[in-house]
Each structure stands twice: as structure tokens, then as C-alpha cells.
Amino acid sequence: MIVPASSADVVWVYRRGRRRLLAEWQRGEGSSEFFYGLIPLRDRYRVGFVEGSSAPWFRRPWYAVERLFARRLGIGFALDLALRHLRTLNRARVVVSTVDTCGLPLGLLKRRGLLRPRLVYISQGLSDRIHAYGPHRRLAQWCRGLVLAADDHAALSAGAAHGLAAWLGVPVDRVRVLPFGTDHDFWHDTRPDVAETRIVSVGSDAGRDYPTLLAAIGTLPLHVVTRQPLVVPAGADVRVTHEHTPGELRDIYSAARFVVTPLHDRDQPSGQSAALQAMACARAVILTRTRGWWGEDVLVDGDNCVLVRPGEADALRHAIRTLGDDPERCRRIGTRARATVERCFGEERFAESLAALVPPAVAIGAHGRA
């Protein structure tokens, strides 16, 4: 059951925005995958969550520290969040940190003996940032100690787990792979009778390789949903938007000819949510296979998706033209994509992997706990 964080046995720590997302999900207006297992596990544990404040910077006493850290590594350091909720977190049995921005300050508190519960640290791209910054620099070594202070470490793909383990200097089996899944009840094909006209690409994170997509698209109509600034070539038929409700985004996927998820080659598994959402909407997806590959052997080129190598505009152009010229192949791949998501990429798989890190005594009713 979802309870106030002060009464929960397992507490998730989010950067921001989850109260709004929870309200959307409860109204049936949004999906639940970005709760990282909390929703599926609510019947097994007393679960709750905390998140960062929307207060202006001058009301956050640790803002200067956070800003200095962000300028060095290009990633947040939510010390204010960790300290403000420390008393609540210490009432829990297990704390799940969902991003490095939250995990690093929680690791600091754990290392200093101030955070008592078991800390599950989910890393999402820190090893890439450290590699770019310099792994032997003092700040990087300090961050390594904070991550190692956690009781359990996890990543969202096998590739990411290898990158994190290599940086930490630990055996790769010390890093649990939590396979990301999507809410395929929410994400489904909503507009099967609408004429499919535009190719669609969705995503705003730094892992997106839109320059390669724009070089490959030619004059085909493209709709990009992103907050990234794009330099659109002259003569290209490209529409760019960024403000959509989950329901509107579902309709955009469902009306697409097909979806392209272009990615830079990194350890961090990028593009998972957009690709799986589109696949759940029965769209064919062209996806870059990167070092942080998350599709295991389940995503098969030409069967339930189309795979391309990073940064190769010619190969991406060929894949786009091949799908564009064969609507029946698009429909066939999209149908298989939906079946693959239902079978292999639901939220329950992530939740079960995470539950393996929670001691059995934490379950509702275990040893007399209610």
C-alpha cells in the first residue's frame, strides 16, 4: 500500500514531480513506469516516496553546494532533499534512490553514518559523466566513495552495469540489472484509423542524437518531441513540439508512420521509455544499439524493431527509407513490438528484480508487521 513516507518500510527518493504523476496515474491520465517499481510493489510492501522541493534557490540552504557540484560534473547533487527528509528516511527499512542526483548525497549521509536503512542506489549515467570529467580527478574519486557506501548498486541495462562496475572497480555481478519496463496498459494504440503521415521521434535527454537523424531524414515529414534546441536543415519538413500530456503523446505515437530513437553511444541506457512506449502503441521503432544496450536478445532487428549503429547517418537513412516504402512491414513489426513489450518489458519485471534486493522481513505481514 502507498502510505506517507514517514510510515513506509520502503521509501523511494525521486528528484521531483512524482506527486503530479501519481495524481495523473490515479485519474487514468498518465503512466506509472517512472515510479521505478513503487506501483507494482505497493501490495507487497508499505511503500512511500519523497521528492525534491520546488522552493526557489534562496530558500534552499545547500543550493551553493549543489550548484558548484553541477558546474563540475553536469549533474545535480540534491543535498537539500536528502537532509530535509533524513528523519523520514531513517524510519524506513529500505531506501531506493532512483537517480544519481539523489543517490550521491544519500551515499554521503550513509558514509557518515547518518543514514541507517539499507540503501539501494540506482545509477543512471554517472559512469559516462565521470569518464568525461576524468576518473582520476579528486572529485571523481570522492563520488566513487559515495556510491560504494550504498548497500546495493543497480543499473538499467547490462551495458550500464558493466560501465558502472568498471568505474567502481567491483565485479560486474555486484551491480544488479533492473530491466526497465513500461506501463503497457496505458500505452496502447489509440488511433488505428488515422492516416499515418509523419515519422516521430521523442526525447529530451543528452543521449539523443538528433543531428544524425536530421542528416538522415531528407525531405520526409518528421515530428520531433523534445526540449533540445535543433538546427533543422533548410528544406526539411520538421515539426518540433515539447508540451504534451501523456494522453496527447500516446496519440502522437499511435498516429506515427513509425518512430525513430537516435542515440549517442554511451554506457547509460537511453531511449528506453520512448522506444517501449511507442512499441506498446504498436509502432515500428528504429533504435540505435549503443554500449548501454538494454534490449538484451529480446529485441531482434527486422522482427520487432529495426536496429542501427550509432552515428551512421547513411545506415539510418536506409532504415528510414526501407520502412517508409513498406507500410505492411511497419504494421508487422509494430504488432510484434506490442507483443514483445507485453511479454518482456512490463513494469512487473523491473519490480521483481528490485524486490530481490528487499529483505523478506520487510514484506507486509512478515513477522507480525502490518
Protein backbone atom coordinates (compact mmCIF):
# COMPACT_ATOMS: atom_id res chain seq x y z
CA MET A 1 0.00 0.00 0.00
CA ILE A 2 1.12 3.57 -0.66
CA VAL A 3 1.40 5.37 2.67
CA PRO A 4 3.03 8.61 3.85
CA ALA A 5 6.79 8.24 3.66
CA SER A 6 7.07 8.57 7.44
CA SER A 7 5.04 5.33 7.80
CA ALA A 8 6.60 3.37 4.92
CA ASP A 9 9.01 0.46 5.14
CA VAL A 10 10.38 1.03 1.63
CA VAL A 11 10.85 4.65 0.56
CA TRP A 12 11.68 5.76 -2.98
CA VAL A 13 13.63 9.01 -3.43
CA TYR A 14 12.75 10.95 -6.59
CA ARG A 15 14.19 14.20 -7.87
CA ARG A 16 10.85 15.90 -8.48
CA GLY A 17 7.36 15.73 -9.97
CA ARG A 18 6.08 12.40 -8.69
CA ARG A 19 3.11 13.75 -6.76
CA ARG A 20 1.78 15.19 -10.00
CA LEU A 21 2.49 11.96 -11.89
CA LEU A 22 0.79 9.91 -9.18
CA ALA A 23 -2.32 12.06 -9.40
CA GLU A 24 -2.34 11.66 -13.20
CA TRP A 25 -1.97 7.89 -12.91
CA GLN A 26 -4.74 7.63 -10.32
CA ARG A 27 -7.06 9.52 -12.70
CA GLY A 28 -6.08 7.24 -15.59
CA GLU A 29 -4.41 10.14 -17.37
CA GLY A 30 -0.79 9.01 -17.13
CA SER A 31 1.52 6.03 -16.95
CA SER A 32 3.34 4.58 -13.97
CA GLU A 33 6.74 3.40 -15.24
CA PHE A 34 8.66 6.37 -13.84
CA PHE A 35 7.91 5.30 -10.28
CA TYR A 36 10.59 2.61 -10.73
CA GLY A 37 8.68 -0.29 -9.22
CA LEU A 38 6.76 1.51 -6.48
CA ILE A 39 3.34 0.97 -8.07
CA PRO A 40 3.66 -2.79 -8.72
CA LEU A 41 5.18 -3.35 -5.25
CA ARG A 42 2.52 -1.45 -3.32
CA ASP A 43 0.67 -4.69 -2.49
CA ARG A 44 3.81 -6.38 -1.19
CA TYR A 45 5.33 -3.63 1.00
CA ARG A 46 4.28 -0.48 2.79
CA VAL A 47 5.69 1.93 0.22
CA GLY A 48 6.08 5.69 0.13
CA PHE A 49 8.24 8.32 -1.50
CA VAL A 50 9.90 11.67 -1.03
CA GLU A 51 10.93 14.15 -3.68
CA GLY A 52 12.74 17.42 -4.11
CA SER A 53 11.26 20.77 -3.28
CA SER A 54 10.08 23.31 -5.82
CA ALA A 55 11.14 26.12 -3.48
CA PRO A 56 13.24 28.90 -5.07
CA TRP A 57 17.00 28.65 -4.71
CA PHE A 58 17.25 31.23 -1.93
CA ARG A 59 15.11 29.03 0.31
CA ARG A 60 17.39 26.01 -0.18
CA PRO A 61 20.34 26.42 2.20
CA TRP A 62 22.56 23.94 0.35
CA TYR A 63 21.99 25.47 -3.08
CA ALA A 64 25.55 26.80 -3.37
CA VAL A 65 27.00 23.31 -2.84
CA GLU A 66 24.58 21.81 -5.35
CA ARG A 67 25.37 24.46 -7.95
CA LEU A 68 29.13 24.04 -7.57
CA PHE A 69 28.81 20.28 -8.00
CA ALA A 70 26.59 20.66 -11.06
CA ARG A 71 29.09 23.03 -12.69
CA ARG A 72 31.86 20.47 -12.27
CA LEU A 73 30.08 17.27 -13.30
CA GLY A 74 26.99 18.47 -15.13
CA ILE A 75 24.74 16.56 -12.75
CA GLY A 76 22.72 17.59 -9.73
CA PHE A 77 23.61 16.90 -6.11
CA ALA A 78 20.34 17.03 -4.17
CA LEU A 79 21.82 17.53 -0.71
CA ASP A 80 18.90 19.71 0.38
CA LEU A 81 16.45 16.90 -0.48
CA ALA A 82 18.48 14.30 1.43
CA LEU A 83 18.91 16.41 4.57
CA ARG A 84 15.35 17.71 4.61
CA HIS A 85 13.94 14.16 4.54
CA LEU A 86 16.64 12.46 6.62
CA ARG A 87 14.44 11.88 9.66
CA THR A 88 11.72 10.35 7.48
CA LEU A 89 14.19 8.16 5.60
CA ASN A 90 15.64 6.82 8.84
CA ARG A 91 12.23 5.47 9.80
CA ALA A 92 12.26 3.20 6.74
CA ARG A 93 13.80 -0.24 6.35
CA VAL A 94 14.97 0.27 2.75
CA VAL A 95 15.64 3.47 0.78
CA VAL A 96 15.61 3.30 -3.04
CA SER A 97 17.48 6.12 -4.77
CA THR A 98 16.28 6.37 -8.35
CA VAL A 99 18.88 8.71 -9.93
CA ASP A 100 22.47 9.73 -9.22
CA THR A 101 21.40 13.26 -8.30
CA CYS A 102 19.67 11.78 -5.26
CA GLY A 103 21.97 8.82 -4.73
CA LEU A 104 25.23 10.74 -4.31
CA PRO A 105 24.09 12.85 -1.31
CA LEU A 106 22.39 9.80 0.20
CA GLY A 107 25.70 7.95 -0.19
CA LEU A 108 27.40 10.83 1.62
CA LEU A 109 24.96 10.50 4.55
CA LYS A 110 25.37 6.73 4.53
CA ARG A 111 29.16 7.04 4.57
CA ARG A 112 28.98 9.43 7.53
CA GLY A 113 26.68 7.05 9.44
CA LEU A 114 23.74 9.45 9.29
CA LEU A 115 21.53 7.30 7.05
CA ARG A 116 20.72 3.98 8.71
CA PRO A 117 18.39 2.00 6.38
CA ARG A 118 19.57 -0.23 3.57
CA LEU A 119 20.37 1.98 0.57
CA VAL A 120 19.67 0.74 -2.95
CA TYR A 121 21.50 3.02 -5.40
CA ILE A 122 20.20 3.04 -8.99
CA SER A 123 22.73 4.75 -11.25
CA GLN A 124 21.63 6.37 -14.49
CA GLY A 125 24.65 7.58 -16.42
CA LEU A 126 27.12 8.62 -13.72
CA SER A 127 29.93 6.49 -15.18
CA ASP A 128 29.59 8.34 -18.52
CA ARG A 129 29.87 11.70 -16.76
CA ILE A 130 32.85 10.56 -14.71
CA HIS A 131 34.59 9.28 -17.83
CA ALA A 132 34.11 12.66 -19.50
CA TYR A 133 35.21 14.57 -16.39
CA GLY A 134 38.22 12.37 -15.63
CA PRO A 135 38.02 9.30 -13.39
CA HIS A 136 41.30 10.03 -11.61
CA ARG A 137 40.41 13.55 -10.55
CA ARG A 138 39.74 14.18 -6.88
CA LEU A 139 36.02 14.89 -7.24
CA ALA A 140 35.54 11.72 -9.27
CA GLN A 141 37.28 9.63 -6.61
CA TRP A 142 35.15 11.26 -3.92
CA CYS A 143 31.99 10.36 -5.87
CA ARG A 144 33.22 6.79 -6.20
CA GLY A 145 33.42 6.53 -2.41
CA LEU A 146 29.86 7.87 -2.06
CA VAL A 147 28.47 5.30 -4.50
CA LEU A 148 30.36 2.48 -2.79
CA ALA A 149 28.81 3.49 0.54
CA ALA A 150 25.44 2.16 -0.68
CA ASP A 151 24.44 -1.38 0.27
CA ASP A 152 23.27 -2.34 -3.23
CA HIS A 153 24.03 -0.95 -6.67
CA ALA A 154 21.86 -1.21 -9.75
CA ALA A 155 21.71 -0.06 -13.37
CA LEU A 156 19.04 -0.25 -16.04
CA SER A 157 20.90 -2.44 -18.54
CA ALA A 158 23.72 -4.96 -18.70
CA GLY A 159 25.86 -2.46 -20.64
CA ALA A 160 25.34 0.19 -17.99
CA ALA A 161 26.13 -2.33 -15.26
CA HIS A 162 29.48 -3.13 -16.90
CA GLY A 163 30.34 0.57 -17.18
CA LEU A 164 29.42 1.25 -13.55
CA ALA A 165 31.28 -1.81 -12.25
CA ALA A 166 34.41 -0.91 -14.22
CA TRP A 167 34.47 2.59 -12.73
CA LEU A 168 33.77 1.37 -9.21
CA GLY A 169 36.36 -1.39 -9.52
CA VAL A 170 33.97 -4.13 -8.42
CA PRO A 171 32.89 -7.41 -10.06
CA VAL A 172 30.07 -6.83 -12.52
CA ASP A 173 27.83 -9.21 -10.58
CA ARG A 174 27.90 -6.67 -7.73
CA VAL A 175 25.72 -4.41 -9.89
CA ARG A 176 22.14 -5.60 -10.20
CA VAL A 177 20.46 -5.12 -13.58
CA LEU A 178 16.94 -3.75 -13.17
CA PRO A 179 15.33 -4.14 -16.62
CA PHE A 180 13.24 -1.07 -17.33
CA GLY A 181 9.62 -1.71 -18.25
CA THR A 182 6.67 0.37 -19.36
CA ASP A 183 3.02 0.68 -18.40
CA HIS A 184 1.57 -1.13 -21.41
CA ASP A 185 -1.95 -0.78 -20.05
CA PHE A 186 -1.68 2.98 -20.52
CA TRP A 187 0.48 2.95 -23.64
CA HIS A 188 -1.60 1.35 -26.40
CA ASP A 189 -2.71 2.08 -29.93
CA THR A 190 -5.46 4.70 -29.66
CA ARG A 191 -5.95 5.86 -33.26
CA PRO A 192 -5.73 2.91 -35.64
CA ASP A 193 -7.85 4.58 -38.35
CA VAL A 194 -5.85 7.80 -38.61
CA ALA A 195 -3.72 8.09 -41.74
CA GLU A 196 -0.06 7.69 -40.81
CA THR A 197 1.85 10.64 -42.21
CA ARG A 198 4.76 11.79 -40.07
CA ILE A 199 7.73 9.93 -38.68
CA VAL A 200 8.05 10.63 -34.97
CA SER A 201 11.00 10.94 -32.58
CA VAL A 202 10.62 11.63 -28.85
CA GLY A 203 13.07 12.52 -26.09
CA SER A 204 14.99 15.36 -24.48
CA ASP A 205 17.89 13.72 -22.66
CA ALA A 206 21.51 14.25 -23.67
CA GLY A 207 21.70 10.73 -25.10
CA ARG A 208 19.59 11.68 -28.14
CA ASP A 209 21.50 12.04 -31.40
CA TYR A 210 19.22 14.38 -33.32
CA PRO A 211 21.97 15.68 -35.65
CA THR A 212 22.31 12.20 -37.16
CA LEU A 213 18.52 11.89 -37.51
CA LEU A 214 18.25 15.30 -39.18
CA ALA A 215 21.06 14.37 -41.56
CA ALA A 216 19.26 11.16 -42.47
CA ILE A 217 15.62 12.28 -42.75
CA GLY A 218 15.90 14.21 -46.02
CA THR A 219 12.54 15.71 -47.00
CA LEU A 220 10.34 13.14 -45.27
CA PRO A 221 7.89 14.68 -42.77
CA LEU A 222 9.21 14.41 -39.21
CA HIS A 223 7.72 15.35 -35.83
CA VAL A 224 10.27 15.68 -33.00
CA VAL A 225 9.01 15.96 -29.43
CA THR A 226 11.93 17.41 -27.49
CA ARG A 227 13.17 20.32 -25.40
CA GLN A 228 16.56 20.16 -27.07
CA PRO A 229 17.35 23.03 -29.45
CA LEU A 230 17.51 21.64 -33.00
CA VAL A 231 19.22 23.05 -36.06
CA VAL A 232 16.84 22.00 -38.83
CA PRO A 233 18.35 21.84 -42.34
CA ALA A 234 16.91 24.14 -44.97
CA GLY A 235 14.07 22.48 -46.87
CA ALA A 236 13.44 19.83 -44.21
CA ASP A 237 9.82 19.18 -43.22
CA VAL A 238 10.34 19.06 -39.45
CA ARG A 239 7.85 19.98 -36.74
CA VAL A 240 9.21 20.43 -33.19
CA THR A 241 6.99 20.43 -30.09
CA HIS A 242 7.58 19.75 -26.41
CA GLU A 243 4.49 20.38 -24.29
CA HIS A 244 2.19 17.35 -24.36
CA THR A 245 0.10 15.48 -21.82
CA PRO A 246 0.72 11.72 -21.62
CA GLY A 247 -2.55 11.15 -23.46
CA GLU A 248 -1.53 13.51 -26.25
CA LEU A 249 1.86 11.81 -26.55
CA ARG A 250 0.12 8.43 -26.77
CA ASP A 251 -1.92 9.76 -29.71
CA ILE A 252 1.24 11.11 -31.37
CA TYR A 253 2.84 7.66 -31.18
CA SER A 254 -0.32 5.97 -32.41
CA ALA A 255 -0.64 8.26 -35.45
CA ALA A 256 3.03 7.97 -36.49
CA ARG A 257 4.16 6.16 -39.61
CA PHE A 258 6.91 4.77 -37.39
CA VAL A 259 9.18 6.04 -34.62
CA VAL A 260 12.93 6.70 -34.66
CA THR A 261 15.00 6.79 -31.45
CA PRO A 262 18.51 8.01 -32.42
CA LEU A 263 21.15 7.72 -29.71
CA HIS A 264 24.75 8.60 -28.95
CA ASP A 265 26.98 5.68 -27.99
CA ARG A 266 27.13 5.73 -24.17
CA ASP A 267 27.06 3.41 -21.16
CA GLN A 268 23.81 4.93 -19.97
CA PRO A 269 20.80 3.13 -21.47
CA SER A 270 18.98 5.92 -23.25
CA GLY A 271 15.75 5.87 -25.20
CA GLN A 272 14.17 3.04 -23.22
CA SER A 273 11.00 4.83 -22.22
CA ALA A 274 10.26 6.39 -25.62
CA ALA A 275 11.04 3.21 -27.55
CA LEU A 276 8.96 0.99 -25.28
CA GLN A 277 6.07 3.44 -25.18
CA ALA A 278 6.00 3.54 -28.98
CA MET A 279 6.30 -0.24 -29.22
CA ALA A 280 3.42 -0.63 -26.76
CA CYS A 281 1.41 1.61 -29.11
CA ALA A 282 2.14 -0.97 -31.84
CA ARG A 283 4.54 1.26 -33.76
CA ALA A 284 7.62 0.03 -35.57
CA VAL A 285 10.70 1.60 -33.97
CA ILE A 286 14.13 2.27 -35.44
CA LEU A 287 16.54 2.22 -32.49
CA THR A 288 20.28 2.81 -32.10
CA ARG A 289 22.10 -0.08 -30.42
CA THR A 290 24.62 1.52 -28.03
CA ARG A 291 27.09 0.37 -25.36
CA GLY A 292 24.31 0.71 -22.82
CA TRP A 293 22.14 -1.74 -24.75
CA TRP A 294 19.03 -2.68 -22.81
CA GLY A 295 17.18 -4.88 -25.30
CA GLU A 296 19.22 -8.00 -24.41
CA ASP A 297 18.46 -10.68 -27.00
CA VAL A 298 14.74 -9.87 -26.93
CA LEU A 299 14.78 -7.00 -29.43
CA VAL A 300 15.62 -8.54 -32.80
CA ASP A 301 16.47 -6.47 -35.87
CA GLY A 302 13.80 -6.85 -38.53
CA ASP A 303 11.42 -8.76 -36.28
CA ASN A 304 10.12 -6.49 -33.51
CA CYS A 305 12.29 -3.42 -34.23
CA VAL A 306 14.94 -2.09 -36.60
CA LEU A 307 18.44 -1.63 -35.16
CA VAL A 308 21.15 0.72 -36.44
CA ARG A 309 24.68 1.52 -35.31
CA PRO A 310 25.49 4.81 -33.54
CA GLY A 311 26.26 7.90 -35.58
CA GLU A 312 25.83 6.35 -39.04
CA ALA A 313 23.54 8.68 -40.97
CA ASP A 314 23.67 6.58 -44.15
CA ALA A 315 22.55 3.43 -42.33
CA LEU A 316 19.79 5.37 -40.56
CA ARG A 317 18.70 6.91 -43.87
CA HIS A 318 18.48 3.43 -45.41
CA ALA A 319 16.43 2.11 -42.48
CA ILE A 320 14.04 5.08 -42.67
CA ARG A 321 13.53 4.70 -46.42
CA THR A 322 13.05 0.95 -46.16
CA LEU A 323 10.29 1.29 -43.58
CA GLY A 324 8.79 4.29 -45.35
CA ASP A 325 8.44 2.28 -48.56
CA ASP A 326 6.84 -0.74 -46.89
CA PRO A 327 3.77 0.07 -44.75
CA GLU A 328 2.93 -3.62 -44.36
CA ARG A 329 6.37 -4.27 -42.84
CA CYS A 330 5.77 -1.36 -40.45
CA ARG A 331 2.48 -2.87 -39.32
CA ARG A 332 4.00 -6.32 -38.92
CA ILE A 333 6.95 -5.07 -36.85
CA GLY A 334 4.62 -2.87 -34.78
CA THR A 335 2.32 -5.77 -33.96
CA ARG A 336 5.28 -7.90 -32.85
CA ALA A 337 6.66 -4.94 -30.90
CA ARG A 338 3.47 -4.65 -28.85
CA ALA A 339 3.53 -8.40 -28.11
CA THR A 340 7.20 -8.17 -27.06
CA VAL A 341 6.50 -5.35 -24.62
CA GLU A 342 3.60 -7.26 -23.08
CA ARG A 343 5.75 -10.38 -22.72
CA CYS A 344 9.13 -8.98 -21.72
CA PHE A 345 9.05 -5.28 -20.84
CA GLY A 346 6.25 -4.76 -18.36
CA GLU A 347 6.78 -2.96 -15.06
CA GLU A 348 6.47 -6.20 -13.14
CA ARG A 349 9.85 -7.41 -14.41
CA PHE A 350 11.57 -4.33 -13.02
CA ALA A 351 9.64 -4.64 -9.76
CA GLU A 352 10.56 -8.29 -9.28
CA SER A 353 14.24 -7.55 -9.84
CA LEU A 354 14.10 -4.71 -7.32
CA ALA A 355 12.19 -6.83 -4.81
CA ALA A 356 15.13 -9.26 -4.77
CA LEU A 357 17.10 -6.52 -3.00
CA VAL A 358 14.48 -6.04 -0.26
CA PRO A 359 14.82 -8.34 2.79
CA PRO A 360 11.86 -10.77 3.11
CA ALA A 361 11.10 -9.45 6.61
CA VAL A 362 10.05 -6.13 5.10
CA ALA A 363 7.03 -7.61 3.33
CA ILE A 364 3.57 -6.72 4.65
CA GLY A 365 2.60 -9.18 7.35
CA ALA A 366 6.11 -10.64 7.77
CA HIS A 367 6.93 -11.34 11.40
CA GLY A 368 3.82 -9.61 12.58
CA ARG A 369 4.38 -6.35 10.68
CA ALA A 370 1.25 -4.88 9.08
